[in-house]
Amino acid sequence: MKRRHLIAGSLALTALGNVPRGAQAQATPLPDGNLRVIFGYPPGGAGDFIARLVAEHAGRTLGRNVIVVNQAGATGLLAIDALRRAAPDGATIGMMPMTGAVLMPMVNSRATFDFSTDFEPVVHCVSYSLGFAAAPTLNVKAWPDFLTWAKTNPKQVSYGVSGLGSISHLFGAMMQQVLGFELQVVPFKGGAELNNAVMGGHVPFGIGVTSDFAEPHKGGRMQILAVSSKQRDLSAPDVPTFIELGYRDLESEPWFAFFAPRATPAAAIAAWNEAINAALKDTTVRDKMVRAGFVVGGGSSEELRQRIAADKARWQPVVTKSGVRMD
């Protein structure tokens, strides 16, 4: 999920929210000194942009410096391990994607953790949609065209994704199960390579973050046929949702959320929850998130716990039936 136009020259370790400690900070049930947000991917991407945007605003609310630490590597596993080993004193939280919190343990034997028990939920942050796009060389302009093409070319229905075991890969597996015909996955190394492959016609279809596909779609360099969100994606408002097309089972809104190490005090969790919710309600923050292609979240820590349980129940049968593994 890269947005090079959003941020440039980000540092791997950045102090945000440089606010002197005041009366508000003294009343906060968090330890003295800097606070940390661990994020499992390099600087410069959309997730990193969101983490820093929230950290800056939360830092002002908490009266602390909030430092975003990019713990990249092993498809997010290094960051998850770092958060699990962090002191449960409220000084450290992590922003994690749904792929790590829900899907990774289902497809990777090295992911020996359970976000339902090994971490404390803090708050849901943002969600986004996935788009199913066709290469411009196919002359497939709408969903009925895809169904006709797939029926005519049953052995050639393949879709590109940004990596094996990604949410896009698993969504493709879900599509295959719902549609009832075979879709072959073609993995690429990241979203940029995927975009180029679809635009160049090297793969007939692609599944990726809708907002990543939006500019090529508007320029006619690929055609987004459907999006996975409940409502139409604002980055491609002309594209119908799968729900509109009659596929309610293909609704999916992957997310980012904040978590703390297990046994972090409830008062510390509440302080972070309040500060992040305040950031998500801020008009400037919300506008920036929406322009980046996200649906702004928020809510209680218990609501995040329930979201994880619902997503686990929904995706486990899909993963089991598909046999997708990252080992």
C-alpha atoms as a PDB file:
ATOM      1  CA  MET A   1       0.000   0.000   0.000  1.00  0.00           C
ATOM      2  CA  LYS A   2       2.307   2.774  -1.164  1.00  0.00           C
ATOM      3  CA  ARG A   3       1.351   6.437  -1.352  1.00  0.00           C
ATOM      4  CA  ARG A   4       4.543   8.142  -2.509  1.00  0.00           C
ATOM      5  CA  HIS A   5       2.596  11.344  -3.047  1.00  0.00           C
ATOM      6  CA  LEU A   6       1.497  11.419   0.578  1.00  0.00           C
ATOM      7  CA  ILE A   7       4.835  11.435   2.351  1.00  0.00           C
ATOM      8  CA  ALA A   8       8.456  11.532   1.314  1.00  0.00           C
ATOM      9  CA  GLY A   9      11.694  11.214   3.169  1.00  0.00           C
ATOM     10  CA  SER A  10      10.137   9.616   6.273  1.00  0.00           C
ATOM     11  CA  LEU A  11      12.614   8.486   8.878  1.00  0.00           C
ATOM     12  CA  ALA A  12      12.579   4.949  10.257  1.00  0.00           C
ATOM     13  CA  LEU A  13      12.442   6.395  13.751  1.00  0.00           C
ATOM     14  CA  THR A  14      10.512   9.626  14.105  1.00  0.00           C
ATOM     15  CA  ALA A  15       9.499  11.532  17.230  1.00  0.00           C
ATOM     16  CA  LEU A  16       6.038  12.981  16.912  1.00  0.00           C
ATOM     17  CA  GLY A  17       3.832  15.073  19.085  1.00  0.00           C
ATOM     18  CA  ASN A  18       6.620  17.179  20.624  1.00  0.00           C
ATOM     19  CA  VAL A  19       4.507  18.632  23.397  1.00  0.00           C
ATOM     20  CA  PRO A  20       5.964  19.628  26.757  1.00  0.00           C
ATOM     21  CA  ARG A  21       4.643  17.660  29.660  1.00  0.00           C
ATOM     22  CA  GLY A  22       1.820  19.534  31.321  1.00  0.00           C
ATOM     23  CA  ALA A  23      -1.039  18.971  33.680  1.00  0.00           C
ATOM     24  CA  GLN A  24      -2.708  16.635  31.191  1.00  0.00           C
ATOM     25  CA  ALA A  25       0.400  14.451  30.932  1.00  0.00           C
ATOM     26  CA  GLN A  26       0.727  14.278  34.716  1.00  0.00           C
ATOM     27  CA  ALA A  27      -2.825  12.985  34.943  1.00  0.00           C
ATOM     28  CA  THR A  28      -2.279  10.296  32.310  1.00  0.00           C
ATOM     29  CA  PRO A  29      -1.812   6.743  33.693  1.00  0.00           C
ATOM     30  CA  LEU A  30       1.183   6.134  31.426  1.00  0.00           C
ATOM     31  CA  PRO A  31       4.868   5.979  32.363  1.00  0.00           C
ATOM     32  CA  ASP A  32       7.080   9.039  32.139  1.00  0.00           C
ATOM     33  CA  GLY A  33       9.134   9.671  29.020  1.00  0.00           C
ATOM     34  CA  ASN A  34       8.546   8.913  25.369  1.00  0.00           C
ATOM     35  CA  LEU A  35       5.791   6.571  24.204  1.00  0.00           C
ATOM     36  CA  ARG A  36       6.194   4.192  21.241  1.00  0.00           C
ATOM     37  CA  VAL A  37       4.048   2.905  18.409  1.00  0.00           C
ATOM     38  CA  ILE A  38       5.572  -0.142  16.705  1.00  0.00           C
ATOM     39  CA  PHE A  39       4.718  -0.600  13.026  1.00  0.00           C
ATOM     40  CA  GLY A  40       5.850  -3.633  11.067  1.00  0.00           C
ATOM     41  CA  TYR A  41       6.555  -2.114   7.662  1.00  0.00           C
ATOM     42  CA  PRO A  42       9.036   0.413   6.212  1.00  0.00           C
ATOM     43  CA  PRO A  43       8.507   4.176   6.226  1.00  0.00           C
ATOM     44  CA  GLY A  44       6.747   5.745   3.286  1.00  0.00           C
ATOM     45  CA  GLY A  45       3.712   3.509   2.823  1.00  0.00           C
ATOM     46  CA  ALA A  46       0.088   4.294   3.589  1.00  0.00           C
ATOM     47  CA  GLY A  47       0.076   2.340   6.848  1.00  0.00           C
ATOM     48  CA  ASP A  48       3.131   4.232   8.056  1.00  0.00           C
ATOM     49  CA  PHE A  49       1.413   7.488   7.088  1.00  0.00           C
ATOM     50  CA  ILE A  50      -1.617   6.541   9.209  1.00  0.00           C
ATOM     51  CA  ALA A  51       0.529   5.514  12.191  1.00  0.00           C
ATOM     52  CA  ARG A  52       2.382   8.835  12.176  1.00  0.00           C
ATOM     53  CA  LEU A  53      -0.761  10.875  11.683  1.00  0.00           C
ATOM     54  CA  VAL A  54      -2.405   9.242  14.690  1.00  0.00           C
ATOM     55  CA  ALA A  55       0.767   9.370  16.797  1.00  0.00           C
ATOM     56  CA  GLU A  56       1.188  13.084  16.234  1.00  0.00           C
ATOM     57  CA  HIS A  57      -2.343  13.917  17.353  1.00  0.00           C
ATOM     58  CA  ALA A  58      -2.333  11.398  20.232  1.00  0.00           C
ATOM     59  CA  GLY A  59       0.957  12.863  21.432  1.00  0.00           C
ATOM     60  CA  ARG A  60      -0.674  16.259  21.809  1.00  0.00           C
ATOM     61  CA  THR A  61      -3.587  14.738  23.720  1.00  0.00           C
ATOM     62  CA  LEU A  62      -1.346  12.747  26.046  1.00  0.00           C
ATOM     63  CA  GLY A  63       1.271  15.483  26.456  1.00  0.00           C
ATOM     64  CA  ARG A  64       4.052  13.098  25.424  1.00  0.00           C
ATOM     65  CA  ASN A  65       6.421  12.477  22.557  1.00  0.00           C
ATOM     66  CA  VAL A  66       4.982   9.518  20.633  1.00  0.00           C
ATOM     67  CA  ILE A  67       7.654   7.781  18.564  1.00  0.00           C
ATOM     68  CA  VAL A  68       6.760   5.601  15.567  1.00  0.00           C
ATOM     69  CA  VAL A  69       9.220   2.712  15.320  1.00  0.00           C
ATOM     70  CA  ASN A  70       9.351   0.912  11.971  1.00  0.00           C
ATOM     71  CA  GLN A  71      10.136  -2.709  12.862  1.00  0.00           C
ATOM     72  CA  ALA A  72      10.028  -4.063   9.309  1.00  0.00           C
ATOM     73  CA  GLY A  73      10.736  -7.658   8.324  1.00  0.00           C
ATOM     74  CA  ALA A  74       9.313 -11.174   8.026  1.00  0.00           C
ATOM     75  CA  THR A  75       5.961  -9.886   6.714  1.00  0.00           C
ATOM     76  CA  GLY A  76       5.237  -8.097   9.970  1.00  0.00           C
ATOM     77  CA  LEU A  77       6.286 -10.906  12.298  1.00  0.00           C
ATOM     78  CA  LEU A  78       9.243  -8.966  13.717  1.00  0.00           C
ATOM     79  CA  ALA A  79       6.972  -6.146  14.839  1.00  0.00           C
ATOM     80  CA  ILE A  80       4.480  -8.545  16.384  1.00  0.00           C
ATOM     81  CA  ASP A  81       7.274 -10.262  18.313  1.00  0.00           C
ATOM     82  CA  ALA A  82       8.657  -6.903  19.437  1.00  0.00           C
ATOM     83  CA  LEU A  83       5.260  -5.863  20.746  1.00  0.00           C
ATOM     84  CA  ARG A  84       4.775  -9.179  22.502  1.00  0.00           C
ATOM     85  CA  ARG A  85       8.142  -8.761  24.278  1.00  0.00           C
ATOM     86  CA  ALA A  86       7.581  -5.097  25.218  1.00  0.00           C
ATOM     87  CA  ALA A  87       7.011  -4.184  28.861  1.00  0.00           C
ATOM     88  CA  PRO A  88       3.271  -4.138  29.628  1.00  0.00           C
ATOM     89  CA  ASP A  89       3.387  -0.710  31.242  1.00  0.00           C
ATOM     90  CA  GLY A  90       1.524   1.332  28.639  1.00  0.00           C
ATOM     91  CA  ALA A  91       4.629   2.907  27.120  1.00  0.00           C
ATOM     92  CA  THR A  92       4.447   0.765  23.964  1.00  0.00           C
ATOM     93  CA  ILE A  93       1.604  -0.107  21.642  1.00  0.00           C
ATOM     94  CA  GLY A  94       1.611  -1.360  18.046  1.00  0.00           C
ATOM     95  CA  MET A  95      -0.435  -0.670  14.943  1.00  0.00           C
ATOM     96  CA  MET A  96      -1.146  -3.985  13.266  1.00  0.00           C
ATOM     97  CA  PRO A  97      -2.942  -4.962  10.043  1.00  0.00           C
ATOM     98  CA  MET A  98      -5.736  -7.514   9.957  1.00  0.00           C
ATOM     99  CA  THR A  99      -3.383  -9.792   7.998  1.00  0.00           C
ATOM    100  CA  GLY A 100      -1.074 -10.048  11.008  1.00  0.00           C
ATOM    101  CA  ALA A 101      -3.671 -10.045  13.759  1.00  0.00           C
ATOM    102  CA  VAL A 102      -6.085 -12.518  12.155  1.00  0.00           C
ATOM    103  CA  LEU A 103      -4.752 -14.242   9.039  1.00  0.00           C
ATOM    104  CA  MET A 104      -1.051 -14.814   9.708  1.00  0.00           C
ATOM    105  CA  PRO A 105      -1.523 -17.553  12.347  1.00  0.00           C
ATOM    106  CA  MET A 106      -3.799 -19.380   9.913  1.00  0.00           C
ATOM    107  CA  VAL A 107      -1.238 -19.591   7.098  1.00  0.00           C
ATOM    108  CA  ASN A 108       2.186 -19.462   8.751  1.00  0.00           C
ATOM    109  CA  SER A 109       3.474 -21.982  11.297  1.00  0.00           C
ATOM    110  CA  ARG A 110       5.994 -19.394  12.551  1.00  0.00           C
ATOM    111  CA  ALA A 111       3.132 -17.188  13.716  1.00  0.00           C
ATOM    112  CA  THR A 112       2.802 -18.780  17.139  1.00  0.00           C
ATOM    113  CA  PHE A 113       0.563 -16.129  18.658  1.00  0.00           C
ATOM    114  CA  ASP A 114      -3.108 -15.378  19.108  1.00  0.00           C
ATOM    115  CA  PHE A 115      -4.194 -11.754  19.180  1.00  0.00           C
ATOM    116  CA  SER A 116      -7.255 -12.773  21.185  1.00  0.00           C
ATOM    117  CA  THR A 117      -5.111 -13.837  24.148  1.00  0.00           C
ATOM    118  CA  ASP A 118      -1.512 -12.646  23.652  1.00  0.00           C
ATOM    119  CA  PHE A 119      -2.276  -8.943  23.223  1.00  0.00           C
ATOM    120  CA  GLU A 120      -4.652  -6.324  24.584  1.00  0.00           C
ATOM    121  CA  PRO A 121      -6.906  -4.636  21.996  1.00  0.00           C
ATOM    122  CA  VAL A 122      -6.788  -0.848  22.136  1.00  0.00           C
ATOM    123  CA  VAL A 123      -8.861   0.498  19.242  1.00  0.00           C
ATOM    124  CA  HIS A 124      -9.726  -0.088  15.604  1.00  0.00           C
ATOM    125  CA  CYS A 125      -8.130   2.616  13.441  1.00  0.00           C
ATOM    126  CA  VAL A 126      -9.033   2.463   9.733  1.00  0.00           C
ATOM    127  CA  SER A 127     -10.435   0.076   7.135  1.00  0.00           C
ATOM    128  CA  TYR A 128     -10.049  -0.072   3.361  1.00  0.00           C
ATOM    129  CA  SER A 129     -11.424  -1.949   0.385  1.00  0.00           C
ATOM    130  CA  LEU A 130      -9.962  -4.361  -2.132  1.00  0.00           C
ATOM    131  CA  GLY A 131     -10.534  -3.907  -5.834  1.00  0.00           C
ATOM    132  CA  PHE A 132     -10.769  -6.540  -8.552  1.00  0.00           C
ATOM    133  CA  ALA A 133      -9.297  -5.049 -11.718  1.00  0.00           C
ATOM    134  CA  ALA A 134      -8.928  -6.123 -15.344  1.00  0.00           C
ATOM    135  CA  ALA A 135      -6.001  -5.444 -17.666  1.00  0.00           C
ATOM    136  CA  PRO A 136      -6.738  -2.875 -20.406  1.00  0.00           C
ATOM    137  CA  THR A 137      -5.859  -5.392 -23.113  1.00  0.00           C
ATOM    138  CA  LEU A 138      -8.912  -7.565 -22.372  1.00  0.00           C
ATOM    139  CA  ASN A 139     -11.696  -5.105 -23.205  1.00  0.00           C
ATOM    140  CA  VAL A 140     -13.406  -6.222 -19.999  1.00  0.00           C
ATOM    141  CA  LYS A 141     -15.229  -3.085 -18.866  1.00  0.00           C
ATOM    142  CA  ALA A 142     -17.736  -4.378 -16.287  1.00  0.00           C
ATOM    143  CA  TRP A 143     -18.463  -7.396 -14.099  1.00  0.00           C
ATOM    144  CA  PRO A 144     -20.725  -9.145 -16.665  1.00  0.00           C
ATOM    145  CA  ASP A 145     -17.881  -8.866 -19.157  1.00  0.00           C
ATOM    146  CA  PHE A 146     -15.610 -10.663 -16.698  1.00  0.00           C
ATOM    147  CA  LEU A 147     -18.091 -13.506 -16.226  1.00  0.00           C
ATOM    148  CA  THR A 148     -18.369 -13.904 -19.997  1.00  0.00           C
ATOM    149  CA  TRP A 149     -14.583 -13.798 -20.412  1.00  0.00           C
ATOM    150  CA  ALA A 150     -14.069 -16.360 -17.626  1.00  0.00           C
ATOM    151  CA  LYS A 151     -16.608 -18.712 -19.197  1.00  0.00           C
ATOM    152  CA  THR A 152     -14.897 -18.394 -22.566  1.00  0.00           C
ATOM    153  CA  ASN A 153     -11.361 -18.711 -21.161  1.00  0.00           C
ATOM    154  CA  PRO A 154     -11.697 -21.035 -18.146  1.00  0.00           C
ATOM    155  CA  LYS A 155      -8.031 -22.047 -18.126  1.00  0.00           C
ATOM    156  CA  GLN A 156      -6.732 -18.483 -18.220  1.00  0.00           C
ATOM    157  CA  VAL A 157      -8.513 -16.895 -15.250  1.00  0.00           C
ATOM    158  CA  SER A 158      -5.564 -15.773 -13.169  1.00  0.00           C
ATOM    159  CA  TYR A 159      -5.185 -12.832 -10.820  1.00  0.00           C
ATOM    160  CA  GLY A 160      -2.109 -11.020  -9.589  1.00  0.00           C
ATOM    161  CA  VAL A 161      -1.515 -10.159  -5.933  1.00  0.00           C
ATOM    162  CA  SER A 162       1.193  -8.290  -4.049  1.00  0.00           C
ATOM    163  CA  GLY A 163       2.386 -11.441  -2.259  1.00  0.00           C
ATOM    164  CA  LEU A 164       1.477 -14.994  -1.287  1.00  0.00           C
ATOM    165  CA  GLY A 165      -0.605 -15.191   1.873  1.00  0.00           C
ATOM    166  CA  SER A 166      -1.639 -11.545   1.551  1.00  0.00           C
ATOM    167  CA  ILE A 167      -5.199 -10.409   2.112  1.00  0.00           C
ATOM    168  CA  SER A 168      -5.513 -10.038  -1.661  1.00  0.00           C
ATOM    169  CA  HIS A 169      -4.447 -13.670  -2.162  1.00  0.00           C
ATOM    170  CA  LEU A 170      -6.937 -14.917   0.412  1.00  0.00           C
ATOM    171  CA  PHE A 171      -9.692 -12.732  -0.980  1.00  0.00           C
ATOM    172  CA  GLY A 172      -9.035 -14.348  -4.353  1.00  0.00           C
ATOM    173  CA  ALA A 173      -9.425 -17.743  -2.691  1.00  0.00           C
ATOM    174  CA  MET A 174     -12.727 -16.553  -1.259  1.00  0.00           C
ATOM    175  CA  MET A 175     -13.821 -15.367  -4.709  1.00  0.00           C
ATOM    176  CA  GLN A 176     -13.064 -18.782  -6.163  1.00  0.00           C
ATOM    177  CA  GLN A 177     -15.174 -20.463  -3.504  1.00  0.00           C
ATOM    178  CA  VAL A 178     -18.084 -18.070  -3.984  1.00  0.00           C
ATOM    179  CA  LEU A 179     -18.007 -17.974  -7.800  1.00  0.00           C
ATOM    180  CA  GLY A 180     -17.490 -21.706  -8.206  1.00  0.00           C
ATOM    181  CA  PHE A 181     -14.741 -21.653 -10.806  1.00  0.00           C
ATOM    182  CA  GLU A 182     -10.957 -21.742 -10.591  1.00  0.00           C
ATOM    183  CA  LEU A 183      -8.825 -18.620 -10.259  1.00  0.00           C
ATOM    184  CA  GLN A 184      -5.064 -19.052 -10.404  1.00  0.00           C
ATOM    185  CA  VAL A 185      -2.965 -16.760  -8.200  1.00  0.00           C
ATOM    186  CA  VAL A 186       0.138 -15.020  -9.590  1.00  0.00           C
ATOM    187  CA  PRO A 187       2.260 -13.425  -6.837  1.00  0.00           C
ATOM    188  CA  PHE A 188       4.268 -10.253  -7.366  1.00  0.00           C
ATOM    189  CA  LYS A 189       6.702  -8.393  -5.125  1.00  0.00           C
ATOM    190  CA  GLY A 190       4.600  -5.576  -3.778  1.00  0.00           C
ATOM    191  CA  GLY A 191       1.821  -3.326  -4.989  1.00  0.00           C
ATOM    192  CA  ALA A 192       3.874  -1.353  -7.532  1.00  0.00           C
ATOM    193  CA  GLU A 193       4.935  -4.507  -9.371  1.00  0.00           C
ATOM    194  CA  LEU A 194       1.344  -5.761  -9.300  1.00  0.00           C
ATOM    195  CA  ASN A 195       0.036  -2.510 -10.777  1.00  0.00           C
ATOM    196  CA  ASN A 196       2.581  -2.615 -13.582  1.00  0.00           C
ATOM    197  CA  ALA A 197       1.717  -6.235 -14.371  1.00  0.00           C
ATOM    198  CA  VAL A 198      -2.009  -5.502 -14.658  1.00  0.00           C
ATOM    199  CA  MET A 199      -1.512  -2.291 -16.656  1.00  0.00           C
ATOM    200  CA  GLY A 200       0.893  -4.082 -18.997  1.00  0.00           C
ATOM    201  CA  GLY A 201      -1.415  -7.033 -19.527  1.00  0.00           C
ATOM    202  CA  HIS A 202       1.114  -9.488 -18.070  1.00  0.00           C
ATOM    203  CA  VAL A 203      -1.685 -10.879 -15.906  1.00  0.00           C
ATOM    204  CA  PRO A 204      -5.361 -10.587 -16.907  1.00  0.00           C
ATOM    205  CA  PHE A 205      -6.696  -9.536 -13.517  1.00  0.00           C
ATOM    206  CA  GLY A 206      -5.439  -8.209 -10.224  1.00  0.00           C
ATOM    207  CA  ILE A 207      -6.653  -7.900  -6.653  1.00  0.00           C
ATOM    208  CA  GLY A 208      -5.239  -5.053  -4.622  1.00  0.00           C
ATOM    209  CA  VAL A 209      -6.023  -2.059  -2.479  1.00  0.00           C
ATOM    210  CA  THR A 210      -8.670  -0.083  -4.341  1.00  0.00           C
ATOM    211  CA  SER A 211      -7.021   3.288  -3.805  1.00  0.00           C
ATOM    212  CA  ASP A 212      -3.778   1.879  -5.269  1.00  0.00           C
ATOM    213  CA  PHE A 213      -5.713   1.005  -8.432  1.00  0.00           C
ATOM    214  CA  ALA A 214      -7.673   4.268  -8.531  1.00  0.00           C
ATOM    215  CA  GLU A 215      -5.354   6.448 -10.636  1.00  0.00           C
ATOM    216  CA  PRO A 216      -4.695   3.790 -13.333  1.00  0.00           C
ATOM    217  CA  HIS A 217      -8.441   3.114 -13.380  1.00  0.00           C
ATOM    218  CA  LYS A 218      -9.277   6.773 -13.926  1.00  0.00           C
ATOM    219  CA  GLY A 219      -6.636   6.972 -16.662  1.00  0.00           C
ATOM    220  CA  GLY A 220      -7.947   3.910 -18.503  1.00  0.00           C
ATOM    221  CA  ARG A 221      -4.820   1.877 -17.791  1.00  0.00           C
ATOM    222  CA  MET A 222      -6.856  -0.768 -15.951  1.00  0.00           C
ATOM    223  CA  GLN A 223     -10.527  -1.278 -15.170  1.00  0.00           C
ATOM    224  CA  ILE A 224     -11.695  -1.873 -11.600  1.00  0.00           C
ATOM    225  CA  LEU A 225     -14.745  -4.132 -11.888  1.00  0.00           C
ATOM    226  CA  ALA A 226     -15.851  -4.363  -8.242  1.00  0.00           C
ATOM    227  CA  VAL A 227     -14.779  -3.409  -4.724  1.00  0.00           C
ATOM    228  CA  SER A 228     -15.077  -5.397  -1.520  1.00  0.00           C
ATOM    229  CA  SER A 229     -16.348  -2.703   0.866  1.00  0.00           C
ATOM    230  CA  LYS A 230     -19.893  -2.277   2.170  1.00  0.00           C
ATOM    231  CA  GLN A 231     -20.155   1.107   0.466  1.00  0.00           C
ATOM    232  CA  ARG A 232     -18.522   2.316  -2.723  1.00  0.00           C
ATOM    233  CA  ASP A 233     -14.911   3.365  -2.335  1.00  0.00           C
ATOM    234  CA  LEU A 234     -14.534   7.143  -2.559  1.00  0.00           C
ATOM    235  CA  SER A 235     -11.334   6.739  -4.568  1.00  0.00           C
ATOM    236  CA  ALA A 236     -13.314   4.965  -7.331  1.00  0.00           C
ATOM    237  CA  PRO A 237     -16.960   5.984  -6.851  1.00  0.00           C
ATOM    238  CA  ASP A 238     -18.018   4.743 -10.288  1.00  0.00           C
ATOM    239  CA  VAL A 239     -17.211   1.127  -9.368  1.00  0.00           C
ATOM    240  CA  PRO A 240     -19.944  -1.061  -7.828  1.00  0.00           C
ATOM    241  CA  THR A 241     -19.441  -3.109  -4.699  1.00  0.00           C
ATOM    242  CA  PHE A 242     -19.632  -6.884  -4.788  1.00  0.00           C
ATOM    243  CA  ILE A 243     -22.736  -6.502  -2.621  1.00  0.00           C
ATOM    244  CA  GLU A 244     -24.387  -4.407  -5.341  1.00  0.00           C
ATOM    245  CA  LEU A 245     -23.500  -7.117  -7.841  1.00  0.00           C
ATOM    246  CA  GLY A 246     -25.262  -9.730  -5.703  1.00  0.00           C
ATOM    247  CA  TYR A 247     -22.255 -11.248  -3.884  1.00  0.00           C
ATOM    248  CA  ARG A 248     -22.862 -10.407  -0.247  1.00  0.00           C
ATOM    249  CA  ASP A 249     -20.336 -13.061   0.820  1.00  0.00           C
ATOM    250  CA  LEU A 250     -17.580 -11.098  -0.934  1.00  0.00           C
ATOM    251  CA  GLU A 251     -17.819  -8.121   1.397  1.00  0.00           C
ATOM    252  CA  SER A 252     -14.460  -7.543   3.081  1.00  0.00           C
ATOM    253  CA  GLU A 253     -12.893  -4.495   4.710  1.00  0.00           C
ATOM    254  CA  PRO A 254      -9.332  -5.198   5.913  1.00  0.00           C
ATOM    255  CA  TRP A 255      -8.135  -2.918   8.689  1.00  0.00           C
ATOM    256  CA  PHE A 256      -5.392  -1.515  10.859  1.00  0.00           C
ATOM    257  CA  ALA A 257      -5.806  -1.411  14.634  1.00  0.00           C
ATOM    258  CA  PHE A 258      -3.810  -0.672  17.764  1.00  0.00           C
ATOM    259  CA  PHE A 259      -2.809  -3.285  20.339  1.00  0.00           C
ATOM    260  CA  ALA A 260      -0.800  -3.356  23.565  1.00  0.00           C
ATOM    261  CA  PRO A 261       1.247  -6.138  25.176  1.00  0.00           C
ATOM    262  CA  ARG A 262      -0.684  -8.636  27.257  1.00  0.00           C
ATOM    263  CA  ALA A 263      -1.316  -7.536  30.870  1.00  0.00           C
ATOM    264  CA  THR A 264      -1.019  -3.827  30.089  1.00  0.00           C
ATOM    265  CA  PRO A 265      -3.086  -2.074  32.807  1.00  0.00           C
ATOM    266  CA  ALA A 266      -6.670  -1.238  31.903  1.00  0.00           C
ATOM    267  CA  ALA A 267      -6.121   2.421  32.787  1.00  0.00           C
ATOM    268  CA  ALA A 268      -3.270   2.648  30.278  1.00  0.00           C
ATOM    269  CA  ILE A 269      -5.394   0.966  27.599  1.00  0.00           C
ATOM    270  CA  ALA A 270      -8.175   3.465  28.314  1.00  0.00           C
ATOM    271  CA  ALA A 271      -5.776   6.417  28.014  1.00  0.00           C
ATOM    272  CA  TRP A 272      -4.522   5.261  24.622  1.00  0.00           C
ATOM    273  CA  ASN A 273      -8.060   4.486  23.459  1.00  0.00           C
ATOM    274  CA  GLU A 274      -9.257   7.961  24.381  1.00  0.00           C
ATOM    275  CA  ALA A 275      -6.288   9.683  22.728  1.00  0.00           C
ATOM    276  CA  ILE A 276      -6.553   7.696  19.479  1.00  0.00           C
ATOM    277  CA  ASN A 277     -10.314   8.147  19.292  1.00  0.00           C
ATOM    278  CA  ALA A 278      -9.750  11.879  19.676  1.00  0.00           C
ATOM    279  CA  ALA A 279      -7.331  11.766  16.737  1.00  0.00           C
ATOM    280  CA  LEU A 280      -9.803   9.834  14.605  1.00  0.00           C
ATOM    281  CA  LYS A 281     -12.517  12.409  15.320  1.00  0.00           C
ATOM    282  CA  ASP A 282     -10.310  15.337  14.355  1.00  0.00           C
ATOM    283  CA  THR A 283     -11.503  16.871  11.074  1.00  0.00           C
ATOM    284  CA  THR A 284      -8.026  17.387   9.644  1.00  0.00           C
ATOM    285  CA  VAL A 285      -6.925  13.847  10.517  1.00  0.00           C
ATOM    286  CA  ARG A 286     -10.104  12.329   9.091  1.00  0.00           C
ATOM    287  CA  ASP A 287      -9.814  14.302   5.850  1.00  0.00           C
ATOM    288  CA  LYS A 288      -6.238  13.131   5.315  1.00  0.00           C
ATOM    289  CA  MET A 289      -7.210   9.517   5.966  1.00  0.00           C
ATOM    290  CA  VAL A 290     -10.164   9.658   3.585  1.00  0.00           C
ATOM    291  CA  ARG A 291      -8.031  11.228   0.849  1.00  0.00           C
ATOM    292  CA  ALA A 292      -5.560   8.357   1.321  1.00  0.00           C
ATOM    293  CA  GLY A 293      -8.344   5.836   0.629  1.00  0.00           C
ATOM    294  CA  PHE A 294      -9.302   4.789   4.147  1.00  0.00           C
ATOM    295  CA  VAL A 295     -12.562   4.550   6.088  1.00  0.00           C
ATOM    296  CA  VAL A 296     -11.990   6.014   9.543  1.00  0.00           C
ATOM    297  CA  GLY A 297     -12.761   3.762  12.497  1.00  0.00           C
ATOM    298  CA  GLY A 298     -12.604   4.146  16.256  1.00  0.00           C
ATOM    299  CA  GLY A 299     -14.642   2.730  19.128  1.00  0.00           C
ATOM    300  CA  SER A 300     -13.938   0.742  22.249  1.00  0.00           C
ATOM    301  CA  SER A 301     -11.311  -1.893  22.916  1.00  0.00           C
ATOM    302  CA  GLU A 302     -14.091  -4.447  23.388  1.00  0.00           C
ATOM    303  CA  GLU A 303     -15.452  -3.669  19.933  1.00  0.00           C
ATOM    304  CA  LEU A 304     -12.018  -4.425  18.487  1.00  0.00           C
ATOM    305  CA  ARG A 305     -11.954  -7.719  20.396  1.00  0.00           C
ATOM    306  CA  GLN A 306     -15.307  -8.627  18.875  1.00  0.00           C
ATOM    307  CA  ARG A 307     -14.120  -7.630  15.401  1.00  0.00           C
ATOM    308  CA  ILE A 308     -11.147 -10.014  15.698  1.00  0.00           C
ATOM    309  CA  ALA A 309     -13.396 -12.873  16.796  1.00  0.00           C
ATOM    310  CA  ALA A 310     -15.789 -12.280  13.898  1.00  0.00           C
ATOM    311  CA  ASP A 311     -12.972 -12.088  11.342  1.00  0.00           C
ATOM    312  CA  LYS A 312     -11.353 -15.263  12.650  1.00  0.00           C
ATOM    313  CA  ALA A 313     -14.655 -17.116  12.377  1.00  0.00           C
ATOM    314  CA  ARG A 314     -15.180 -15.847   8.855  1.00  0.00           C
ATOM    315  CA  TRP A 315     -11.705 -16.410   7.410  1.00  0.00           C
ATOM    316  CA  GLN A 316     -10.679 -19.729   8.983  1.00  0.00           C
ATOM    317  CA  PRO A 317     -13.000 -21.819   6.765  1.00  0.00           C
ATOM    318  CA  VAL A 318     -11.766 -19.943   3.682  1.00  0.00           C
ATOM    319  CA  VAL A 319      -8.115 -20.577   4.554  1.00  0.00           C
ATOM    320  CA  THR A 320      -8.729 -24.220   5.475  1.00  0.00           C
ATOM    321  CA  LYS A 321     -10.601 -24.943   2.254  1.00  0.00           C
ATOM    322  CA  SER A 322      -8.090 -23.092   0.064  1.00  0.00           C
ATOM    323  CA  GLY A 323      -5.031 -24.741   1.607  1.00  0.00           C
ATOM    324  CA  VAL A 324      -3.054 -21.473   1.393  1.00  0.00           C
ATOM    325  CA  ARG A 325       0.211 -21.662   3.351  1.00  0.00           C
ATOM    326  CA  MET A 326       3.254 -19.396   3.738  1.00  0.00           C
ATOM    327  CA  ASP A 327       5.542 -22.005   5.318  1.00  0.00           C
END
